[in-house]
Amino acid sequence: MTERTTHPPTGAGALPLDLDTMRASARRLLAEDAEPPRQEELETLTLTLRGHMMLLIPAVEDAARKFPRDDIPATCARACVGEARMRLGLEPRNGLPAGIAHAQRLSRSVNALCDHVINLAGECR
């Protein structure tokens, strides 16, 4: 299956989303053979993931608005947005292991939001 790397802008002045890059950032911590990052790398990766989420959240919200409130895929996407927003508001506990666990949760949100962007775009009528 081939994925589209970019998608059309989702709102006035919005830039296309580079989903491949976003997923690559998430894979950095979620791959089975992922090596634990150093503290400096973890800080950069965490900021990168947060930035991806800040771009993906409005894109998913915009896509979900095109569907009725009772549409199941759109409802799932809205729930994912709520969880992603909650994760953006959390701060990791002190220590490298806690920081890695926090960044892994952000990575899972990035992947899920990317999935919803693709799924909702494919279902637009």
C-alpha atoms as a PDB file:
ATOM      1  CA  MET A   1       0.000   0.000   0.000  1.00  0.00           C
ATOM      2  CA  THR A   2       1.353   3.403  -0.937  1.00  0.00           C
ATOM      3  CA  GLU A   3       0.856   6.345   1.397  1.00  0.00           C
ATOM      4  CA  ARG A   4       0.619   9.898   0.253  1.00  0.00           C
ATOM      5  CA  THR A   5       3.431  11.938   1.739  1.00  0.00           C
ATOM      6  CA  THR A   6       1.639  15.246   1.634  1.00  0.00           C
ATOM      7  CA  HIS A   7      -1.964  16.264   1.751  1.00  0.00           C
ATOM      8  CA  PRO A   8      -3.687  19.374   0.505  1.00  0.00           C
ATOM      9  CA  PRO A   9      -3.906  22.276   2.930  1.00  0.00           C
ATOM     10  CA  THR A  10      -6.682  21.842   5.461  1.00  0.00           C
ATOM     11  CA  GLY A  11      -7.477  25.486   6.011  1.00  0.00           C
ATOM     12  CA  ALA A  12      -6.733  28.969   4.792  1.00  0.00           C
ATOM     13  CA  GLY A  13      -2.975  29.423   4.665  1.00  0.00           C
ATOM     14  CA  ALA A  14      -2.254  25.899   5.941  1.00  0.00           C
ATOM     15  CA  LEU A  15       0.790  24.071   4.638  1.00  0.00           C
ATOM     16  CA  PRO A  16       0.623  20.488   3.381  1.00  0.00           C
ATOM     17  CA  LEU A  17       1.414  17.858   5.995  1.00  0.00           C
ATOM     18  CA  ASP A  18       4.488  15.678   5.507  1.00  0.00           C
ATOM     19  CA  LEU A  19       3.089  12.521   7.047  1.00  0.00           C
ATOM     20  CA  ASP A  20       6.135  10.425   6.134  1.00  0.00           C
ATOM     21  CA  THR A  21       8.416  12.717   8.135  1.00  0.00           C
ATOM     22  CA  MET A  22       5.970  12.766  11.035  1.00  0.00           C
ATOM     23  CA  ARG A  23       5.766   8.981  11.091  1.00  0.00           C
ATOM     24  CA  ALA A  24       9.561   8.697  10.856  1.00  0.00           C
ATOM     25  CA  SER A  25       9.871  10.859  13.969  1.00  0.00           C
ATOM     26  CA  ALA A  26       7.401   8.614  15.773  1.00  0.00           C
ATOM     27  CA  ARG A  27       9.177   5.445  14.633  1.00  0.00           C
ATOM     28  CA  ARG A  28      12.408   6.710  16.188  1.00  0.00           C
ATOM     29  CA  LEU A  29      11.056   5.657  19.591  1.00  0.00           C
ATOM     30  CA  LEU A  30       8.507   2.990  18.696  1.00  0.00           C
ATOM     31  CA  ALA A  31      10.507   0.651  16.467  1.00  0.00           C
ATOM     32  CA  GLU A  32      11.326  -2.693  18.069  1.00  0.00           C
ATOM     33  CA  ASP A  33      15.049  -2.114  17.518  1.00  0.00           C
ATOM     34  CA  ALA A  34      14.987   1.541  18.613  1.00  0.00           C
ATOM     35  CA  GLU A  35      17.998   2.559  20.648  1.00  0.00           C
ATOM     36  CA  PRO A  36      17.302   4.806  23.637  1.00  0.00           C
ATOM     37  CA  PRO A  37      18.124   8.423  22.801  1.00  0.00           C
ATOM     38  CA  ARG A  38      20.530  10.578  24.770  1.00  0.00           C
ATOM     39  CA  GLN A  39      18.957  13.344  26.866  1.00  0.00           C
ATOM     40  CA  GLU A  40      19.725  16.094  24.317  1.00  0.00           C
ATOM     41  CA  GLU A  41      18.321  14.020  21.470  1.00  0.00           C
ATOM     42  CA  LEU A  42      15.233  13.184  23.522  1.00  0.00           C
ATOM     43  CA  GLU A  43      14.530  16.860  24.171  1.00  0.00           C
ATOM     44  CA  THR A  44      14.747  17.642  20.452  1.00  0.00           C
ATOM     45  CA  LEU A  45      12.616  14.652  19.517  1.00  0.00           C
ATOM     46  CA  THR A  46       9.982  15.535  22.109  1.00  0.00           C
ATOM     47  CA  LEU A  47       9.738  19.087  20.776  1.00  0.00           C
ATOM     48  CA  THR A  48       9.522  17.745  17.225  1.00  0.00           C
ATOM     49  CA  LEU A  49       6.709  15.357  18.151  1.00  0.00           C
ATOM     50  CA  ARG A  50       4.838  18.140  19.938  1.00  0.00           C
ATOM     51  CA  GLY A  51       5.171  20.295  16.830  1.00  0.00           C
ATOM     52  CA  HIS A  52       3.827  17.507  14.636  1.00  0.00           C
ATOM     53  CA  MET A  53       0.864  17.137  16.962  1.00  0.00           C
ATOM     54  CA  MET A  54       0.174  20.866  16.863  1.00  0.00           C
ATOM     55  CA  LEU A  55      -0.072  20.630  13.072  1.00  0.00           C
ATOM     56  CA  LEU A  56      -2.039  17.384  13.008  1.00  0.00           C
ATOM     57  CA  ILE A  57      -4.686  18.265  15.595  1.00  0.00           C
ATOM     58  CA  PRO A  58      -6.298  21.084  13.579  1.00  0.00           C
ATOM     59  CA  ALA A  59      -6.022  19.009  10.384  1.00  0.00           C
ATOM     60  CA  VAL A  60      -7.921  16.128  12.001  1.00  0.00           C
ATOM     61  CA  GLU A  61     -10.479  18.522  13.512  1.00  0.00           C
ATOM     62  CA  ASP A  62     -11.057  20.150  10.120  1.00  0.00           C
ATOM     63  CA  ALA A  63     -11.460  16.774   8.423  1.00  0.00           C
ATOM     64  CA  ALA A  64     -13.831  15.490  11.137  1.00  0.00           C
ATOM     65  CA  ARG A  65     -16.067  18.586  10.806  1.00  0.00           C
ATOM     66  CA  LYS A  66     -17.096  17.393   7.335  1.00  0.00           C
ATOM     67  CA  PHE A  67     -18.916  14.430   8.849  1.00  0.00           C
ATOM     68  CA  PRO A  68     -22.058  14.165  10.962  1.00  0.00           C
ATOM     69  CA  ARG A  69     -21.575  14.058  14.749  1.00  0.00           C
ATOM     70  CA  ASP A  70     -22.620  10.385  14.815  1.00  0.00           C
ATOM     71  CA  ASP A  71     -20.153   9.247  12.125  1.00  0.00           C
ATOM     72  CA  ILE A  72     -18.015   6.556  13.756  1.00  0.00           C
ATOM     73  CA  PRO A  73     -14.640   7.274  12.071  1.00  0.00           C
ATOM     74  CA  ALA A  74     -15.030  11.007  12.733  1.00  0.00           C
ATOM     75  CA  THR A  75     -16.034  10.329  16.345  1.00  0.00           C
ATOM     76  CA  CYS A  76     -12.924   8.175  16.791  1.00  0.00           C
ATOM     77  CA  ALA A  77     -10.835  10.959  15.278  1.00  0.00           C
ATOM     78  CA  ARG A  78     -12.328  13.515  17.671  1.00  0.00           C
ATOM     79  CA  ALA A  79     -11.534  11.238  20.624  1.00  0.00           C
ATOM     80  CA  CYS A  80      -7.961  10.909  19.373  1.00  0.00           C
ATOM     81  CA  VAL A  81      -7.697  14.699  19.204  1.00  0.00           C
ATOM     82  CA  GLY A  82      -8.896  14.934  22.804  1.00  0.00           C
ATOM     83  CA  GLU A  83      -6.285  12.439  23.939  1.00  0.00           C
ATOM     84  CA  ALA A  84      -3.574  14.193  21.930  1.00  0.00           C
ATOM     85  CA  ARG A  85      -4.469  17.542  23.501  1.00  0.00           C
ATOM     86  CA  MET A  86      -4.309  15.943  26.940  1.00  0.00           C
ATOM     87  CA  ARG A  87      -0.868  14.502  26.179  1.00  0.00           C
ATOM     88  CA  LEU A  88       0.346  17.902  24.994  1.00  0.00           C
ATOM     89  CA  GLY A  89      -0.577  19.291  28.399  1.00  0.00           C
ATOM     90  CA  LEU A  90       1.445  16.731  30.325  1.00  0.00           C
ATOM     91  CA  GLU A  91       5.037  17.142  31.447  1.00  0.00           C
ATOM     92  CA  PRO A  92       7.285  14.103  31.864  1.00  0.00           C
ATOM     93  CA  ARG A  93       8.594  13.198  35.272  1.00  0.00           C
ATOM     94  CA  ASN A  94      12.310  13.680  35.895  1.00  0.00           C
ATOM     95  CA  GLY A  95      14.778  11.218  34.462  1.00  0.00           C
ATOM     96  CA  LEU A  96      15.589   9.761  31.074  1.00  0.00           C
ATOM     97  CA  PRO A  97      13.307   6.686  31.328  1.00  0.00           C
ATOM     98  CA  ALA A  98      10.287   8.849  32.188  1.00  0.00           C
ATOM     99  CA  GLY A  99      11.141  11.243  29.351  1.00  0.00           C
ATOM    100  CA  ILE A 100      11.371   8.360  26.895  1.00  0.00           C
ATOM    101  CA  ALA A 101       8.017   6.951  28.044  1.00  0.00           C
ATOM    102  CA  HIS A 102       6.449  10.402  27.622  1.00  0.00           C
ATOM    103  CA  ALA A 103       7.904  10.780  24.118  1.00  0.00           C
ATOM    104  CA  GLN A 104       6.681   7.298  23.198  1.00  0.00           C
ATOM    105  CA  ARG A 105       3.144   8.313  24.165  1.00  0.00           C
ATOM    106  CA  LEU A 106       3.506  11.421  21.988  1.00  0.00           C
ATOM    107  CA  SER A 107       4.756   9.181  19.165  1.00  0.00           C
ATOM    108  CA  ARG A 108       1.672   6.985  19.427  1.00  0.00           C
ATOM    109  CA  SER A 109      -0.528  10.077  19.211  1.00  0.00           C
ATOM    110  CA  VAL A 110       1.355  11.301  16.131  1.00  0.00           C
ATOM    111  CA  ASN A 111       0.812   7.934  14.421  1.00  0.00           C
ATOM    112  CA  ALA A 112      -2.870   7.851  15.348  1.00  0.00           C
ATOM    113  CA  LEU A 113      -3.448  11.417  14.154  1.00  0.00           C
ATOM    114  CA  CYS A 114      -1.708  10.620  10.847  1.00  0.00           C
ATOM    115  CA  ASP A 115      -4.013   7.611  10.454  1.00  0.00           C
ATOM    116  CA  HIS A 116      -7.074   9.789  11.038  1.00  0.00           C
ATOM    117  CA  VAL A 117      -5.925  12.405   8.508  1.00  0.00           C
ATOM    118  CA  ILE A 118      -5.615   9.666   5.895  1.00  0.00           C
ATOM    119  CA  ASN A 119      -8.810   7.831   6.845  1.00  0.00           C
ATOM    120  CA  LEU A 120     -11.000  10.919   6.941  1.00  0.00           C
ATOM    121  CA  ALA A 121      -9.564  12.292   3.700  1.00  0.00           C
ATOM    122  CA  GLY A 122     -10.309   8.980   1.985  1.00  0.00           C
ATOM    123  CA  GLU A 123     -13.867   8.965   3.263  1.00  0.00           C
ATOM    124  CA  CYS A 124     -14.765  12.522   2.265  1.00  0.00           C
ATOM    125  CA  ARG A 125     -17.816  12.511   0.086  1.00  0.00           C
END
